N, C-alpha and C. Protein backbone atom coordinates (compact mmCIF):
# COMPACT_ATOMS: atom_id res chain seq x y z
N MET A 1 -9.58 -20.43 47.61
CA MET A 1 -10.29 -20.44 46.34
C MET A 1 -10.60 -21.89 45.97
N GLU A 2 -11.61 -22.03 45.19
CA GLU A 2 -11.97 -23.35 44.69
C GLU A 2 -11.17 -23.66 43.43
N GLU A 3 -11.12 -24.94 43.11
CA GLU A 3 -10.34 -25.38 41.95
C GLU A 3 -10.81 -24.69 40.66
N LYS A 4 -12.11 -24.58 40.49
CA LYS A 4 -12.64 -23.96 39.26
C LYS A 4 -12.12 -22.52 39.11
N ASN A 5 -12.13 -21.77 40.20
CA ASN A 5 -11.65 -20.39 40.15
C ASN A 5 -10.15 -20.33 39.87
N LEU A 6 -9.40 -21.24 40.49
CA LEU A 6 -7.96 -21.27 40.26
C LEU A 6 -7.62 -21.63 38.81
N ILE A 7 -8.38 -22.55 38.24
CA ILE A 7 -8.15 -22.91 36.83
C ILE A 7 -8.49 -21.74 35.93
N GLN A 8 -9.51 -20.98 36.29
CA GLN A 8 -9.86 -19.80 35.51
C GLN A 8 -8.71 -18.78 35.56
N VAL A 9 -8.14 -18.57 36.75
CA VAL A 9 -7.00 -17.67 36.88
C VAL A 9 -5.82 -18.19 36.06
N TRP A 10 -5.59 -19.50 36.12
CA TRP A 10 -4.52 -20.13 35.34
C TRP A 10 -4.69 -19.83 33.86
N ASN A 11 -5.90 -20.00 33.36
CA ASN A 11 -6.17 -19.74 31.93
C ASN A 11 -5.98 -18.28 31.59
N GLU A 12 -6.38 -17.39 32.50
CA GLU A 12 -6.16 -15.97 32.26
C GLU A 12 -4.67 -15.65 32.19
N GLN A 13 -3.88 -16.31 33.04
CA GLN A 13 -2.43 -16.10 33.01
C GLN A 13 -1.82 -16.63 31.72
N ARG A 14 -2.33 -17.75 31.23
CA ARG A 14 -1.85 -18.29 29.95
C ARG A 14 -2.10 -17.28 28.84
N ILE A 15 -3.29 -16.71 28.83
CA ILE A 15 -3.62 -15.71 27.82
C ILE A 15 -2.71 -14.49 27.96
N ALA A 16 -2.45 -14.08 29.20
CA ALA A 16 -1.56 -12.92 29.43
C ALA A 16 -0.16 -13.21 28.92
N ARG A 17 0.34 -14.43 29.13
CA ARG A 17 1.67 -14.78 28.63
C ARG A 17 1.71 -14.72 27.11
N ILE A 18 0.68 -15.20 26.47
CA ILE A 18 0.64 -15.19 25.01
C ILE A 18 0.54 -13.76 24.49
N LYS A 19 -0.38 -12.98 25.04
CA LYS A 19 -0.55 -11.61 24.57
C LYS A 19 0.68 -10.75 24.81
N SER A 20 1.40 -11.03 25.90
CA SER A 20 2.58 -10.21 26.20
C SER A 20 3.68 -10.40 25.17
N GLN A 21 3.57 -11.43 24.36
CA GLN A 21 4.61 -11.71 23.38
C GLN A 21 4.27 -11.20 21.98
N LEU A 22 3.05 -10.75 21.76
CA LEU A 22 2.64 -10.34 20.41
C LEU A 22 3.42 -9.12 19.91
N ALA A 23 3.43 -8.04 20.68
CA ALA A 23 4.12 -6.83 20.22
C ALA A 23 5.63 -7.04 20.07
N PRO A 24 6.31 -7.66 21.04
CA PRO A 24 7.74 -7.89 20.85
C PRO A 24 8.05 -8.80 19.67
N THR A 25 7.20 -9.77 19.42
CA THR A 25 7.41 -10.65 18.26
C THR A 25 7.28 -9.87 16.97
N LEU A 26 6.29 -9.01 16.90
CA LEU A 26 6.12 -8.17 15.72
C LEU A 26 7.32 -7.23 15.55
N LEU A 27 7.77 -6.65 16.65
CA LEU A 27 8.92 -5.75 16.61
C LEU A 27 10.17 -6.48 16.13
N LEU A 28 10.43 -7.65 16.68
CA LEU A 28 11.59 -8.42 16.25
C LEU A 28 11.48 -8.83 14.79
N SER A 29 10.27 -9.13 14.35
CA SER A 29 10.06 -9.50 12.95
C SER A 29 10.40 -8.33 12.02
N VAL A 30 10.01 -7.14 12.41
CA VAL A 30 10.32 -5.95 11.60
C VAL A 30 11.83 -5.72 11.57
N VAL A 31 12.48 -5.82 12.71
CA VAL A 31 13.94 -5.62 12.76
C VAL A 31 14.63 -6.69 11.92
N LEU A 32 14.17 -7.93 12.02
CA LEU A 32 14.75 -9.01 11.21
C LEU A 32 14.55 -8.73 9.72
N ALA A 33 13.36 -8.28 9.35
CA ALA A 33 13.10 -7.96 7.94
C ALA A 33 14.01 -6.84 7.46
N LEU A 34 14.19 -5.83 8.29
CA LEU A 34 15.07 -4.72 7.91
C LEU A 34 16.52 -5.17 7.75
N THR A 35 16.97 -6.07 8.63
CA THR A 35 18.36 -6.53 8.52
C THR A 35 18.55 -7.46 7.33
N THR A 36 17.61 -8.34 7.09
CA THR A 36 17.79 -9.30 5.99
C THR A 36 17.61 -8.66 4.62
N THR A 37 16.89 -7.55 4.56
CA THR A 37 16.73 -6.88 3.28
C THR A 37 17.79 -5.80 3.05
N GLY A 38 18.71 -5.65 4.02
CA GLY A 38 19.79 -4.70 3.86
C GLY A 38 19.43 -3.27 4.21
N HIS A 39 18.29 -3.04 4.84
CA HIS A 39 17.90 -1.69 5.22
C HIS A 39 18.41 -1.29 6.60
N LEU A 40 18.91 -2.25 7.35
CA LEU A 40 19.49 -1.99 8.66
C LEU A 40 20.77 -2.82 8.75
N THR A 41 21.89 -2.14 8.54
CA THR A 41 23.18 -2.83 8.48
C THR A 41 24.22 -2.05 9.27
N LYS A 42 25.46 -2.53 9.21
CA LYS A 42 26.56 -1.84 9.88
C LYS A 42 26.76 -0.43 9.34
N THR A 43 26.39 -0.21 8.08
CA THR A 43 26.59 1.09 7.46
C THR A 43 25.43 2.05 7.69
N THR A 44 24.38 1.59 8.32
CA THR A 44 23.23 2.45 8.63
C THR A 44 23.67 3.54 9.60
N ASP A 45 23.02 4.69 9.50
CA ASP A 45 23.32 5.81 10.38
C ASP A 45 23.32 5.35 11.85
N GLN A 46 24.31 5.83 12.60
CA GLN A 46 24.49 5.44 14.00
C GLN A 46 23.23 5.67 14.84
N ILE A 47 22.58 6.80 14.66
CA ILE A 47 21.38 7.13 15.43
C ILE A 47 20.27 6.13 15.14
N LEU A 48 20.10 5.77 13.88
CA LEU A 48 19.06 4.81 13.52
C LEU A 48 19.36 3.43 14.11
N LYS A 49 20.63 3.04 14.10
CA LYS A 49 21.00 1.75 14.71
C LYS A 49 20.69 1.76 16.20
N LEU A 50 21.05 2.85 16.88
CA LEU A 50 20.77 2.95 18.31
C LEU A 50 19.27 2.96 18.58
N PHE A 51 18.52 3.60 17.71
CA PHE A 51 17.06 3.61 17.84
C PHE A 51 16.51 2.19 17.73
N ALA A 52 16.98 1.45 16.76
CA ALA A 52 16.54 0.06 16.58
C ALA A 52 16.89 -0.78 17.80
N ILE A 53 18.11 -0.61 18.30
CA ILE A 53 18.53 -1.33 19.51
C ILE A 53 17.63 -0.93 20.68
N GLY A 54 17.36 0.35 20.81
CA GLY A 54 16.49 0.84 21.89
C GLY A 54 15.10 0.25 21.82
N LEU A 55 14.56 0.15 20.61
CA LEU A 55 13.24 -0.47 20.45
C LEU A 55 13.25 -1.93 20.87
N VAL A 56 14.28 -2.64 20.46
CA VAL A 56 14.38 -4.05 20.82
C VAL A 56 14.52 -4.20 22.34
N VAL A 57 15.35 -3.36 22.95
CA VAL A 57 15.53 -3.42 24.40
C VAL A 57 14.23 -3.07 25.12
N ALA A 58 13.58 -2.00 24.71
CA ALA A 58 12.33 -1.60 25.37
C ALA A 58 11.27 -2.69 25.23
N GLY A 59 11.13 -3.21 24.03
CA GLY A 59 10.17 -4.30 23.83
C GLY A 59 10.52 -5.51 24.67
N GLY A 60 11.82 -5.80 24.75
CA GLY A 60 12.27 -6.93 25.55
C GLY A 60 12.02 -6.74 27.03
N VAL A 61 12.28 -5.54 27.53
CA VAL A 61 12.07 -5.26 28.95
C VAL A 61 10.59 -5.41 29.30
N PHE A 62 9.72 -4.80 28.50
CA PHE A 62 8.29 -4.91 28.78
C PHE A 62 7.81 -6.35 28.66
N SER A 63 8.30 -7.03 27.67
CA SER A 63 7.92 -8.42 27.44
C SER A 63 8.39 -9.33 28.57
N VAL A 64 9.65 -9.16 28.98
CA VAL A 64 10.20 -9.97 30.07
C VAL A 64 9.45 -9.67 31.37
N THR A 65 9.18 -8.40 31.62
CA THR A 65 8.44 -8.02 32.82
C THR A 65 7.07 -8.69 32.86
N ALA A 66 6.37 -8.66 31.74
CA ALA A 66 5.06 -9.31 31.68
C ALA A 66 5.18 -10.81 31.85
N MET A 67 6.20 -11.41 31.23
CA MET A 67 6.38 -12.85 31.34
C MET A 67 6.72 -13.25 32.77
N VAL A 68 7.62 -12.52 33.42
CA VAL A 68 7.99 -12.84 34.80
C VAL A 68 6.78 -12.73 35.72
N GLY A 69 5.98 -11.69 35.54
CA GLY A 69 4.77 -11.54 36.34
C GLY A 69 3.78 -12.67 36.12
N ALA A 70 3.62 -13.05 34.87
CA ALA A 70 2.70 -14.14 34.56
C ALA A 70 3.20 -15.47 35.11
N VAL A 71 4.51 -15.70 35.05
CA VAL A 71 5.08 -16.93 35.61
C VAL A 71 4.90 -16.95 37.12
N ARG A 72 5.17 -15.82 37.76
CA ARG A 72 5.01 -15.73 39.21
C ARG A 72 3.56 -16.00 39.62
N ASP A 73 2.63 -15.38 38.90
CA ASP A 73 1.22 -15.59 39.21
C ASP A 73 0.79 -17.02 38.91
N GLY A 74 1.30 -17.56 37.82
CA GLY A 74 0.99 -18.96 37.51
C GLY A 74 1.53 -19.90 38.57
N ALA A 75 2.71 -19.61 39.10
CA ALA A 75 3.28 -20.44 40.16
C ALA A 75 2.43 -20.35 41.43
N ALA A 76 1.87 -19.17 41.69
CA ALA A 76 0.99 -19.02 42.86
C ALA A 76 -0.28 -19.85 42.68
N VAL A 77 -0.81 -19.88 41.47
CA VAL A 77 -1.99 -20.70 41.20
C VAL A 77 -1.65 -22.17 41.42
N ILE A 78 -0.50 -22.59 40.94
CA ILE A 78 -0.08 -23.98 41.11
C ILE A 78 0.04 -24.33 42.59
N ALA A 79 0.65 -23.44 43.36
CA ALA A 79 0.78 -23.68 44.80
C ALA A 79 -0.59 -23.78 45.47
N SER A 80 -1.50 -22.93 45.06
CA SER A 80 -2.85 -22.97 45.62
C SER A 80 -3.57 -24.25 45.23
N LEU A 81 -3.40 -24.69 43.99
CA LEU A 81 -4.02 -25.94 43.56
C LEU A 81 -3.46 -27.13 44.32
N LYS A 82 -2.15 -27.12 44.55
CA LYS A 82 -1.52 -28.22 45.28
C LYS A 82 -2.05 -28.34 46.70
N ALA A 83 -2.50 -27.23 47.26
CA ALA A 83 -3.02 -27.23 48.63
C ALA A 83 -4.43 -27.83 48.72
N LEU A 84 -5.10 -27.96 47.58
CA LEU A 84 -6.46 -28.51 47.57
C LEU A 84 -6.42 -30.04 47.53
N LYS A 85 -7.48 -30.63 48.03
CA LYS A 85 -7.60 -32.08 47.99
C LYS A 85 -8.63 -32.46 46.92
N GLY A 86 -8.44 -33.63 46.33
CA GLY A 86 -9.40 -34.14 45.36
C GLY A 86 -9.44 -33.36 44.06
N LEU A 87 -8.27 -33.04 43.52
CA LEU A 87 -8.21 -32.29 42.27
C LEU A 87 -8.73 -33.11 41.10
N SER A 88 -9.28 -32.40 40.14
CA SER A 88 -9.70 -33.03 38.88
C SER A 88 -8.45 -33.37 38.07
N PRO A 89 -8.60 -34.17 37.01
CA PRO A 89 -7.44 -34.45 36.16
C PRO A 89 -6.79 -33.17 35.60
N LEU A 90 -7.60 -32.19 35.27
CA LEU A 90 -7.04 -30.93 34.76
C LEU A 90 -6.24 -30.23 35.84
N GLY A 91 -6.77 -30.17 37.04
CA GLY A 91 -6.06 -29.54 38.15
C GLY A 91 -4.74 -30.24 38.42
N LYS A 92 -4.75 -31.57 38.37
CA LYS A 92 -3.51 -32.34 38.59
C LYS A 92 -2.50 -32.05 37.49
N THR A 93 -2.96 -31.95 36.26
CA THR A 93 -2.07 -31.66 35.14
C THR A 93 -1.42 -30.28 35.30
N ILE A 94 -2.20 -29.31 35.71
CA ILE A 94 -1.66 -27.95 35.92
C ILE A 94 -0.60 -27.97 37.00
N THR A 95 -0.84 -28.70 38.09
CA THR A 95 0.14 -28.72 39.19
C THR A 95 1.46 -29.36 38.75
N LYS A 96 1.42 -30.20 37.75
CA LYS A 96 2.64 -30.84 37.26
C LYS A 96 3.46 -29.93 36.33
N SER A 97 2.92 -28.78 35.99
CA SER A 97 3.60 -27.92 35.02
C SER A 97 4.45 -26.83 35.67
N ALA A 98 4.65 -26.90 36.98
CA ALA A 98 5.42 -25.84 37.66
C ALA A 98 6.84 -25.73 37.11
N ASP A 99 7.52 -26.85 36.98
CA ASP A 99 8.90 -26.80 36.47
C ASP A 99 8.95 -26.25 35.06
N THR A 100 8.04 -26.69 34.22
CA THR A 100 7.99 -26.22 32.84
C THR A 100 7.74 -24.71 32.80
N LEU A 101 6.89 -24.24 33.68
CA LEU A 101 6.58 -22.81 33.74
C LEU A 101 7.83 -22.00 34.05
N TRP A 102 8.58 -22.42 35.07
CA TRP A 102 9.80 -21.68 35.44
C TRP A 102 10.88 -21.80 34.37
N ILE A 103 11.01 -22.97 33.78
CA ILE A 103 12.01 -23.17 32.72
C ILE A 103 11.68 -22.29 31.51
N THR A 104 10.41 -22.25 31.15
CA THR A 104 9.99 -21.42 30.02
C THR A 104 10.27 -19.95 30.30
N GLY A 105 9.95 -19.49 31.49
CA GLY A 105 10.22 -18.10 31.86
C GLY A 105 11.70 -17.78 31.81
N GLY A 106 12.51 -18.68 32.37
CA GLY A 106 13.96 -18.47 32.35
C GLY A 106 14.53 -18.48 30.94
N LEU A 107 14.06 -19.42 30.15
CA LEU A 107 14.50 -19.51 28.77
C LEU A 107 14.12 -18.26 27.99
N PHE A 108 12.96 -17.73 28.27
CA PHE A 108 12.51 -16.52 27.60
C PHE A 108 13.45 -15.36 27.91
N VAL A 109 13.86 -15.23 29.17
CA VAL A 109 14.78 -14.15 29.55
C VAL A 109 16.11 -14.33 28.82
N VAL A 110 16.62 -15.55 28.80
CA VAL A 110 17.90 -15.82 28.13
C VAL A 110 17.80 -15.50 26.64
N LEU A 111 16.72 -15.92 26.00
CA LEU A 111 16.58 -15.66 24.56
C LEU A 111 16.41 -14.17 24.26
N SER A 112 15.76 -13.46 25.16
CA SER A 112 15.63 -12.01 24.97
C SER A 112 17.00 -11.34 25.02
N LEU A 113 17.83 -11.74 25.97
CA LEU A 113 19.19 -11.20 26.04
C LEU A 113 20.00 -11.60 24.81
N PHE A 114 19.83 -12.82 24.37
CA PHE A 114 20.52 -13.31 23.18
C PHE A 114 20.15 -12.45 21.96
N ASN A 115 18.88 -12.16 21.77
CA ASN A 115 18.44 -11.33 20.65
C ASN A 115 19.11 -9.97 20.68
N PHE A 116 19.17 -9.37 21.85
CA PHE A 116 19.81 -8.07 21.99
C PHE A 116 21.29 -8.14 21.63
N VAL A 117 21.99 -9.12 22.18
CA VAL A 117 23.43 -9.25 21.95
C VAL A 117 23.73 -9.49 20.47
N VAL A 118 22.97 -10.38 19.84
CA VAL A 118 23.19 -10.69 18.42
C VAL A 118 22.95 -9.45 17.56
N LEU A 119 21.88 -8.71 17.84
CA LEU A 119 21.61 -7.50 17.06
C LEU A 119 22.73 -6.48 17.27
N TRP A 120 23.18 -6.33 18.51
CA TRP A 120 24.27 -5.38 18.80
C TRP A 120 25.53 -5.76 18.02
N ILE A 121 25.89 -7.02 18.08
CA ILE A 121 27.09 -7.49 17.37
C ILE A 121 26.93 -7.27 15.87
N TYR A 122 25.77 -7.59 15.34
CA TYR A 122 25.54 -7.43 13.90
C TYR A 122 25.68 -5.98 13.47
N LEU A 123 25.15 -5.07 14.26
CA LEU A 123 25.14 -3.67 13.86
C LEU A 123 26.43 -2.90 14.18
N PHE A 124 27.16 -3.35 15.20
CA PHE A 124 28.30 -2.55 15.66
C PHE A 124 29.66 -3.21 15.56
N LYS A 125 29.76 -4.44 15.16
CA LYS A 125 31.07 -5.09 15.04
C LYS A 125 31.47 -5.21 13.59
């Protein structure tokens, strides 16, 4: 592929990473609002608490899956760009972001697990 096409794929992956976070962010915001306003607490019905946990887990799984796929695809674009000679400044900048891409993906997975654990502890301990 040519550099222009690879940069286009890179930009599409960036958009995919951003869009994959919209629904889970909204879901977490709703759960946070419910907990801070006292509508979802330790005294809430057990089934409703499990439902909320299930929603957070499902949203997290789909979100993490999308993020991992986007990171993997972004890494492939970076590898392809590195194989080209005479990159533009933009192409060179993208190739330097490989570590940041993997760190961001890993951090996202860790934070998703953290959100689940904190919600579980809040609702069940």
